[in-house]
PDB file of N, CA and C in Angstrom:
ATOM      1  N   MET A   1     -50.193 -69.589-112.093  1.00  0.00           N
ATOM      2  CA  MET A   1     -48.515 -70.104-111.774  1.00  0.00           C
ATOM      3  C   MET A   1     -47.393 -68.902-111.972  1.00  0.00           C
ATOM      4  N   VAL A   2     -47.500 -68.674-113.193  1.00  0.00           N
ATOM      5  CA  VAL A   2     -46.875 -67.270-113.454  1.00  0.00           C
ATOM      6  C   VAL A   2     -45.967 -65.923-112.782  1.00  0.00           C
ATOM      7  N   LYS A   3     -47.134 -65.483-112.487  1.00  0.00           N
ATOM      8  CA  LYS A   3     -46.853 -64.683-111.374  1.00  0.00           C
ATOM      9  C   LYS A   3     -46.088 -64.986-109.877  1.00  0.00           C
ATOM     10  N   ARG A   4     -46.720 -66.084-109.515  1.00  0.00           N
ATOM     11  CA  ARG A   4     -45.971 -66.768-108.313  1.00  0.00           C
ATOM     12  C   ARG A   4     -44.622 -66.911-108.483  1.00  0.00           C
ATOM     13  N   GLY A   5     -44.606 -67.913-109.547  1.00  0.00           N
ATOM     14  CA  GLY A   5     -43.141 -68.684-110.070  1.00  0.00           C
ATOM     15  C   GLY A   5     -42.211 -67.854-110.941  1.00  0.00           C
ATOM     16  N   ALA A   6     -42.626 -66.444-111.281  1.00  0.00           N
ATOM     17  CA  ALA A   6     -41.399 -65.936-112.217  1.00  0.00           C
ATOM     18  C   ALA A   6     -39.982 -65.704-110.818  1.00  0.00           C
ATOM     19  N   PRO A   7     -40.287 -65.325-110.300  1.00  0.00           N
ATOM     20  CA  PRO A   7     -39.179 -65.295-109.411  1.00  0.00           C
ATOM     21  C   PRO A   7     -37.921 -66.184-109.558  1.00  0.00           C
ATOM     22  N   VAL A   8     -38.471 -67.776-109.605  1.00  0.00           N
ATOM     23  CA  VAL A   8     -37.631 -69.060-109.608  1.00  0.00           C
ATOM     24  C   VAL A   8     -37.204 -69.502-111.043  1.00  0.00           C
ATOM     25  N   LEU A   9     -38.239 -68.663-112.063  1.00  0.00           N
ATOM     26  CA  LEU A   9     -38.135 -69.154-113.220  1.00  0.00           C
ATOM     27  C   LEU A   9     -37.461 -67.987-114.228  1.00  0.00           C
ATOM     28  N   ALA A  10     -36.154 -68.224-115.150  1.00  0.00           N
ATOM     29  CA  ALA A  10     -35.600 -67.589-116.261  1.00  0.00           C
ATOM     30  C   ALA A  10     -35.679 -67.621-117.708  1.00  0.00           C
ATOM     31  N   ASP A  11     -36.055 -66.711-118.727  1.00  0.00           N
ATOM     32  CA  ASP A  11     -36.083 -66.996-120.301  1.00  0.00           C
ATOM     33  C   ASP A  11     -37.237 -67.471-120.316  1.00  0.00           C
ATOM     34  N   VAL A  12     -38.204 -66.818-120.537  1.00  0.00           N
ATOM     35  CA  VAL A  12     -39.639 -67.515-120.761  1.00  0.00           C
ATOM     36  C   VAL A  12     -39.959 -67.312-122.080  1.00  0.00           C
ATOM     37  N   ARG A  13     -40.301 -68.311-122.983  1.00  0.00           N
ATOM     38  CA  ARG A  13     -40.597 -68.454-123.893  1.00  0.00           C
ATOM     39  C   ARG A  13     -42.359 -68.417-124.140  1.00  0.00           C
ATOM     40  N   ILE A  14     -43.258 -67.534-124.276  1.00  0.00           N
ATOM     41  CA  ILE A  14     -44.659 -67.989-123.874  1.00  0.00           C
ATOM     42  C   ILE A  14     -45.361 -68.032-125.132  1.00  0.00           C
ATOM     43  N   LYS A  15     -45.818 -69.230-125.682  1.00  0.00           N
ATOM     44  CA  LYS A  15     -46.667 -69.362-127.011  1.00  0.00           C
ATOM     45  C   LYS A  15     -48.282 -69.567-127.110  1.00  0.00           C
ATOM     46  N   VAL A  16     -48.904 -68.383-127.399  1.00  0.00           N
ATOM     47  CA  VAL A  16     -50.829 -68.986-127.526  1.00  0.00           C
ATOM     48  C   VAL A  16     -50.710 -70.373-128.695  1.00  0.00           C
ATOM     49  N   GLU A  17     -51.504 -71.085-128.465  1.00  0.00           N
ATOM     50  CA  GLU A  17     -51.509 -72.326-129.552  1.00  0.00           C
ATOM     51  C   GLU A  17     -52.710 -72.161-130.125  1.00  0.00           C
ATOM     52  N   ALA A  18     -53.316 -71.767-129.594  1.00  0.00           N
ATOM     53  CA  ALA A  18     -55.395 -71.836-129.948  1.00  0.00           C
ATOM     54  C   ALA A  18     -55.755 -70.586-129.091  1.00  0.00           C
ATOM     55  N   ILE A  19     -56.484 -69.926-129.611  1.00  0.00           N
ATOM     56  CA  ILE A  19     -57.495 -69.361-128.976  1.00  0.00           C
ATOM     57  C   ILE A  19     -59.604 -69.652-129.748  1.00  0.00           C
ATOM     58  N   ILE A  20     -59.811 -70.037-128.553  1.00  0.00           N
ATOM     59  CA  ILE A  20     -61.982 -70.373-129.295  1.00  0.00           C
ATOM     60  C   ILE A  20     -62.754 -69.494-128.203  1.00  0.00           C
ATOM     61  N   ALA A  21     -63.759 -68.960-128.499  1.00  0.00           N
ATOM     62  CA  ALA A  21     -64.840 -67.958-127.829  1.00  0.00           C
ATOM     63  C   ALA A  21     -66.218 -68.081-128.619  1.00  0.00           C
ATOM     64  N   LYS A  22     -66.780 -68.556-127.799  1.00  0.00           N
ATOM     65  CA  LYS A  22     -68.269 -68.983-128.064  1.00  0.00           C
ATOM     66  C   LYS A  22     -68.982 -67.935-126.905  1.00  0.00           C
ATOM     67  N   ASP A  23     -70.345 -66.915-127.108  1.00  0.00           N
ATOM     68  CA  ASP A  23     -70.969 -66.108-126.583  1.00  0.00           C
ATOM     69  C   ASP A  23     -70.231 -65.281-125.160  1.00  0.00           C
ATOM     70  N   ASP A  24     -70.080 -65.722-124.128  1.00  0.00           N
ATOM     71  CA  ASP A  24     -69.424 -65.331-122.861  1.00  0.00           C
ATOM     72  C   ASP A  24     -68.420 -66.314-122.341  1.00  0.00           C
ATOM     73  N   ARG A  25     -67.725 -67.197-123.420  1.00  0.00           N
ATOM     74  CA  ARG A  25     -66.888 -68.344-122.714  1.00  0.00           C
ATOM     75  C   ARG A  25     -65.474 -67.851-124.131  1.00  0.00           C
ATOM     76  N   VAL A  26     -64.312 -68.398-123.201  1.00  0.00           N
ATOM     77  CA  VAL A  26     -62.961 -68.170-123.882  1.00  0.00           C
ATOM     78  C   VAL A  26     -62.515 -68.877-123.623  1.00  0.00           C
ATOM     79  N   ALA A  27     -61.815 -70.160-124.685  1.00  0.00           N
ATOM     80  CA  ALA A  27     -61.081 -71.096-124.061  1.00  0.00           C
ATOM     81  C   ALA A  27     -59.145 -70.503-124.967  1.00  0.00           C
ATOM     82  N   VAL A  28     -58.119 -70.822-124.175  1.00  0.00           N
ATOM     83  CA  VAL A  28     -56.674 -70.587-124.402  1.00  0.00           C
ATOM     84  C   VAL A  28     -56.201 -71.206-123.898  1.00  0.00           C
ATOM     85  N   ARG A  29     -55.484 -72.136-125.657  1.00  0.00           N
ATOM     86  CA  ARG A  29     -54.481 -73.250-124.914  1.00  0.00           C
ATOM     87  C   ARG A  29     -52.947 -73.086-125.610  1.00  0.00           C
ATOM     88  N   TRP A  30     -52.218 -72.962-124.465  1.00  0.00           N
ATOM     89  CA  TRP A  30     -50.754 -71.644-124.198  1.00  0.00           C
ATOM     90  C   TRP A  30     -49.826 -72.907-123.771  1.00  0.00           C
ATOM     91  N   SER A  31     -48.752 -72.634-124.341  1.00  0.00           N
ATOM     92  CA  SER A  31     -47.580 -73.491-123.609  1.00  0.00           C
ATOM     93  C   SER A  31     -46.434 -72.443-123.176  1.00  0.00           C
ATOM     94  N   PHE A  32     -45.260 -72.378-122.872  1.00  0.00           N
ATOM     95  CA  PHE A  32     -44.341 -71.672-122.542  1.00  0.00           C
ATOM     96  C   PHE A  32     -42.924 -72.809-121.685  1.00  0.00           C
ATOM     97  N   ARG A  33     -42.216 -72.317-121.922  1.00  0.00           N
ATOM     98  CA  ARG A  33     -40.348 -73.201-122.121  1.00  0.00           C
ATOM     99  C   ARG A  33     -39.621 -72.191-120.678  1.00  0.00           C
ATOM    100  N   ARG A  34     -39.367 -73.120-120.150  1.00  0.00           N
ATOM    101  CA  ARG A  34     -38.400 -71.900-119.175  1.00  0.00           C
ATOM    102  C   ARG A  34     -37.399 -72.802-118.733  1.00  0.00           C
ATOM    103  N   SER A  35     -35.994 -72.121-118.402  1.00  0.00           N
ATOM    104  CA  SER A  35     -35.320 -72.565-116.790  1.00  0.00           C
ATOM    105  C   SER A  35     -35.610 -72.344-116.088  1.00  0.00           C
ATOM    106  N   TYR A  36     -35.164 -73.212-114.798  1.00  0.00           N
ATOM    107  CA  TYR A  36     -35.627 -73.515-113.541  1.00  0.00           C
ATOM    108  C   TYR A  36     -34.325 -73.265-112.689  1.00  0.00           C
ATOM    109  N   VAL A  37     -34.921 -72.098-111.632  1.00  0.00           N
ATOM    110  CA  VAL A  37     -33.646 -71.663-111.031  1.00  0.00           C
ATOM    111  C   VAL A  37     -33.576 -71.421-109.714  1.00  0.00           C
ATOM    112  N   GLY A  38     -34.802 -72.376-109.052  1.00  0.00           N
ATOM    113  CA  GLY A  38     -35.165 -72.744-107.713  1.00  0.00           C
ATOM    114  C   GLY A  38     -34.499 -73.493-106.820  1.00  0.00           C
ATOM    115  N   GLU A  39     -35.062 -73.795-105.966  1.00  0.00           N
ATOM    116  CA  GLU A  39     -34.421 -75.123-104.950  1.00  0.00           C
ATOM    117  C   GLU A  39     -35.143 -76.405-105.735  1.00  0.00           C
ATOM    118  N   ALA A  40     -34.176 -77.790-105.751  1.00  0.00           N
ATOM    119  CA  ALA A  40     -34.315 -78.809-105.879  1.00  0.00           C
ATOM    120  C   ALA A  40     -35.533 -79.167-104.804  1.00  0.00           C
ATOM    121  N   TRP A  41     -36.638 -79.733-105.842  1.00  0.00           N
ATOM    122  CA  TRP A  41     -37.952 -80.559-105.227  1.00  0.00           C
ATOM    123  C   TRP A  41     -37.986 -81.632-105.798  1.00  0.00           C
ATOM    124  N   ASP A  42     -38.851 -82.582-105.361  1.00  0.00           N
ATOM    125  CA  ASP A  42     -38.800 -84.172-106.020  1.00  0.00           C
ATOM    126  C   ASP A  42     -40.030 -83.854-106.720  1.00  0.00           C
ATOM    127  N   SER A  43     -39.986 -84.046-108.364  1.00  0.00           N
ATOM    128  CA  SER A  43     -41.177 -84.100-109.022  1.00  0.00           C
ATOM    129  C   SER A  43     -41.176 -82.622-109.967  1.00  0.00           C
ATOM    130  N   PHE A  44     -39.862 -81.797-110.115  1.00  0.00           N
ATOM    131  CA  PHE A  44     -39.574 -80.762-109.894  1.00  0.00           C
ATOM    132  C   PHE A  44     -38.720 -80.722-111.163  1.00  0.00           C
ATOM    133  N   PRO A  45     -38.359 -79.328-112.276  1.00  0.00           N
ATOM    134  CA  PRO A  45     -36.958 -79.721-112.993  1.00  0.00           C
ATOM    135  C   PRO A  45     -36.092 -79.369-111.705  1.00  0.00           C
ATOM    136  N   LYS A  46     -34.724 -79.652-112.646  1.00  0.00           N
ATOM    137  CA  LYS A  46     -33.927 -80.072-111.446  1.00  0.00           C
ATOM    138  C   LYS A  46     -33.342 -77.944-111.562  1.00  0.00           C
ATOM    139  N   PRO A  47     -32.556 -77.769-111.376  1.00  0.00           N
ATOM    140  CA  PRO A  47     -32.363 -76.377-111.210  1.00  0.00           C
ATOM    141  C   PRO A  47     -31.170 -76.330-112.438  1.00  0.00           C
ATOM    142  N   GLY A  48     -31.396 -75.384-113.450  1.00  0.00           N
ATOM    143  CA  GLY A  48     -30.785 -74.582-114.529  1.00  0.00           C
ATOM    144  C   GLY A  48     -31.411 -75.626-115.625  1.00  0.00           C
ATOM    145  N   GLU A  49     -32.403 -76.638-114.992  1.00  0.00           N
ATOM    146  CA  GLU A  49     -32.487 -77.701-116.469  1.00  0.00           C
ATOM    147  C   GLU A  49     -33.966 -76.833-116.645  1.00  0.00           C
ATOM    148  N   GLU A  50     -34.693 -77.085-118.238  1.00  0.00           N
ATOM    149  CA  GLU A  50     -34.905 -76.574-119.120  1.00  0.00           C
ATOM    150  C   GLU A  50     -36.229 -77.064-119.137  1.00  0.00           C
ATOM    151  N   PHE A  51     -37.438 -76.849-119.346  1.00  0.00           N
ATOM    152  CA  PHE A  51     -39.013 -77.561-118.697  1.00  0.00           C
ATOM    153  C   PHE A  51     -39.811 -76.702-119.758  1.00  0.00           C
ATOM    154  N   ASN A  52     -40.735 -77.401-120.292  1.00  0.00           N
ATOM    155  CA  ASN A  52     -41.987 -76.639-120.677  1.00  0.00           C
ATOM    156  C   ASN A  52     -43.073 -77.271-120.094  1.00  0.00           C
ATOM    157  N   LEU A  53     -43.903 -76.489-120.087  1.00  0.00           N
ATOM    158  CA  LEU A  53     -45.236 -76.363-119.947  1.00  0.00           C
ATOM    159  C   LEU A  53     -46.634 -75.978-120.120  1.00  0.00           C
ATOM    160  N   ALA A  54     -47.635 -76.884-120.325  1.00  0.00           N
ATOM    161  CA  ALA A  54     -48.736 -76.607-121.120  1.00  0.00           C
ATOM    162  C   ALA A  54     -49.977 -76.397-120.573  1.00  0.00           C
ATOM    163  N   ALA A  55     -50.932 -75.561-121.036  1.00  0.00           N
ATOM    164  CA  ALA A  55     -52.260 -75.504-120.143  1.00  0.00           C
ATOM    165  C   ALA A  55     -53.260 -74.941-121.167  1.00  0.00           C
ATOM    166  N   ILE A  56     -54.176 -75.132-120.593  1.00  0.00           N
ATOM    167  CA  ILE A  56     -55.795 -74.563-121.227  1.00  0.00           C
ATOM    168  C   ILE A  56     -56.667 -74.068-120.186  1.00  0.00           C
ATOM    169  N   SER A  57     -56.872 -72.697-120.234  1.00  0.00           N
ATOM    170  CA  SER A  57     -57.465 -71.518-119.094  1.00  0.00           C
ATOM    171  C   SER A  57     -58.716 -71.481-120.428  1.00  0.00           C
ATOM    172  N   MET A  58     -59.949 -71.154-119.055  1.00  0.00           N
ATOM    173  CA  MET A  58     -61.548 -71.830-119.737  1.00  0.00           C
ATOM    174  C   MET A  58     -61.446 -69.803-119.048  1.00  0.00           C
ATOM    175  N   TYR A  59     -62.141 -69.216-119.362  1.00  0.00           N
ATOM    176  CA  TYR A  59     -62.420 -67.950-118.727  1.00  0.00           C
ATOM    177  C   TYR A  59     -64.193 -67.742-119.509  1.00  0.00           C
ATOM    178  N   ARG A  60     -64.708 -66.989-118.503  1.00  0.00           N
ATOM    179  CA  ARG A  60     -66.446 -66.444-118.583  1.00  0.00           C
ATOM    180  C   ARG A  60     -66.022 -65.166-117.993  1.00  0.00           C
ATOM    181  N   PHE A  61     -67.225 -64.440-118.993  1.00  0.00           N
ATOM    182  CA  PHE A  61     -67.043 -63.116-119.573  1.00  0.00           C
ATOM    183  C   PHE A  61     -68.241 -62.451-118.848  1.00  0.00           C
ATOM    184  N   ALA A  62     -68.230 -61.207-118.465  1.00  0.00           N
ATOM    185  CA  ALA A  62     -69.088 -59.960-117.634  1.00  0.00           C
ATOM    186  C   ALA A  62     -69.717 -59.538-117.475  1.00  0.00           C
ATOM    187  N   ASP A  63     -69.730 -58.173-118.278  1.00  0.00           N
ATOM    188  CA  ASP A  63     -69.406 -56.735-118.428  1.00  0.00           C
ATOM    189  C   ASP A  63     -68.226 -56.896-118.742  1.00  0.00           C
ATOM    190  N   ARG A  64     -67.311 -57.387-119.599  1.00  0.00           N
ATOM    191  CA  ARG A  64     -66.343 -57.372-119.988  1.00  0.00           C
ATOM    192  C   ARG A  64     -65.172 -56.780-119.512  1.00  0.00           C
ATOM    193  N   LYS A  65     -65.178 -58.110-118.098  1.00  0.00           N
ATOM    194  CA  LYS A  65     -64.275 -58.523-117.330  1.00  0.00           C
ATOM    195  C   LYS A  65     -64.369 -59.905-117.375  1.00  0.00           C
ATOM    196  N   ILE A  66     -63.693 -61.205-116.474  1.00  0.00           N
ATOM    197  CA  ILE A  66     -63.300 -62.188-116.110  1.00  0.00           C
ATOM    198  C   ILE A  66     -63.955 -62.236-114.938  1.00  0.00           C
ATOM    199  N   GLU A  67     -65.228 -62.771-115.180  1.00  0.00           N
ATOM    200  CA  GLU A  67     -65.848 -63.263-114.084  1.00  0.00           C
ATOM    201  C   GLU A  67     -65.300 -65.001-113.341  1.00  0.00           C
ATOM    202  N   ASP A  68     -64.895 -65.699-114.012  1.00  0.00           N
ATOM    203  CA  ASP A  68     -64.649 -67.015-113.820  1.00  0.00           C
ATOM    204  C   ASP A  68     -62.954 -67.477-114.706  1.00  0.00           C
ATOM    205  N   ASP A  69     -62.410 -67.763-114.237  1.00  0.00           N
ATOM    206  CA  ASP A  69     -60.910 -68.710-114.812  1.00  0.00           C
ATOM    207  C   ASP A  69     -60.998 -69.679-114.130  1.00  0.00           C
ATOM    208  N   ARG A  70     -60.737 -70.490-114.864  1.00  0.00           N
ATOM    209  CA  ARG A  70     -59.901 -71.983-114.869  1.00  0.00           C
ATOM    210  C   ARG A  70     -58.994 -72.371-115.585  1.00  0.00           C
ATOM    211  N   SER A  71     -58.269 -73.185-114.801  1.00  0.00           N
ATOM    212  CA  SER A  71     -56.775 -73.526-115.880  1.00  0.00           C
ATOM    213  C   SER A  71     -56.115 -75.147-115.181  1.00  0.00           C
ATOM    214  N   ILE A  72     -55.859 -75.725-116.037  1.00  0.00           N
ATOM    215  CA  ILE A  72     -54.910 -77.292-115.932  1.00  0.00           C
ATOM    216  C   ILE A  72     -53.683 -76.465-116.225  1.00  0.00           C
ATOM    217  N   GLU A  73     -52.906 -77.289-116.021  1.00  0.00           N
ATOM    218  CA  GLU A  73     -51.262 -77.224-116.500  1.00  0.00           C
ATOM    219  C   GLU A  73     -50.556 -78.343-116.048  1.00  0.00           C
ATOM    220  N   THR A  74     -49.538 -79.167-117.331  1.00  0.00           N
ATOM    221  CA  THR A  74     -48.669 -80.164-116.929  1.00  0.00           C
ATOM    222  C   THR A  74     -47.102 -79.481-117.596  1.00  0.00           C
ATOM    223  N   PHE A  75     -46.814 -80.437-117.261  1.00  0.00           N
ATOM    224  CA  PHE A  75     -45.114 -80.039-117.286  1.00  0.00           C
ATOM    225  C   PHE A  75     -44.863 -81.478-118.425  1.00  0.00           C
ATOM    226  N   TRP A  76     -44.026 -80.757-119.255  1.00  0.00           N
ATOM    227  CA  TRP A  76     -44.016 -82.213-120.625  1.00  0.00           C
ATOM    228  C   TRP A  76     -42.291 -81.987-120.487  1.00  0.00           C
ATOM    229  N   GLN A  77     -41.792 -83.087-121.493  1.00  0.00           N
ATOM    230  CA  GLN A  77     -40.252 -83.084-121.742  1.00  0.00           C
ATOM    231  C   GLN A  77     -40.012 -81.938-123.140  1.00  0.00           C
ATOM    232  N   PRO A  78     -38.536 -81.153-122.556  1.00  0.00           N
ATOM    233  CA  PRO A  78     -38.455 -80.567-123.768  1.00  0.00           C
ATOM    234  C   PRO A  78     -37.942 -81.289-124.547  1.00  0.00           C
ATOM    235  N   ASP A  79     -38.351 -80.130-126.040  1.00  0.00           N
ATOM    236  CA  ASP A  79     -37.948 -81.430-127.365  1.00  0.00           C
ATOM    237  C   ASP A  79     -38.921 -82.263-127.599  1.00  0.00           C
ATOM    238  N   THR A  80     -39.963 -82.494-127.019  1.00  0.00           N
ATOM    239  CA  THR A  80     -41.663 -83.140-127.252  1.00  0.00           C
ATOM    240  C   THR A  80     -42.405 -82.498-127.210  1.00  0.00           C
ATOM    241  N   PRO A  81     -42.663 -82.769-128.758  1.00  0.00           N
ATOM    242  CA  PRO A  81     -43.494 -81.780-129.466  1.00  0.00           C
ATOM    243  C   PRO A  81     -45.424 -81.941-128.947  1.00  0.00           C
ATOM    244  N   TRP A  82     -46.014 -81.092-128.783  1.00  0.00           N
ATOM    245  CA  TRP A  82     -47.182 -80.945-128.726  1.00  0.00           C
ATOM    246  C   TRP A  82     -47.834 -80.420-129.180  1.00  0.00           C
ATOM    247  N   ASP A  83     -48.280 -82.080-129.751  1.00  0.00           N
ATOM    248  CA  ASP A  83     -49.451 -81.693-131.263  1.00  0.00           C
ATOM    249  C   ASP A  83     -50.553 -82.409-131.173  1.00  0.00           C
ATOM    250  N   TRP A  84     -52.086 -81.822-131.589  1.00  0.00           N
ATOM    251  CA  TRP A  84     -53.086 -82.961-131.679  1.00  0.00           C
ATOM    252  C   TRP A  84     -53.190 -83.249-132.908  1.00  0.00           C
TER     253      TRP A  84
END
């Protein structure tokens, strides 16, 4: 999403929350906060509105390269902590 969405998103602040690795697999919990500057869409932030996105990414490596990449993302309200 970051690569495709970059033209309509401004002032990104990315934070890696946790990294867990075992054998050939790595899990990354990360978040970012940005201002949306694209067109108004249903269920999307309004233009100029700041939003948060949280994600868990799972990677499988082979020969020092990523062979499998699976992620899930979710929006959540600004100023709402993401504590577990």
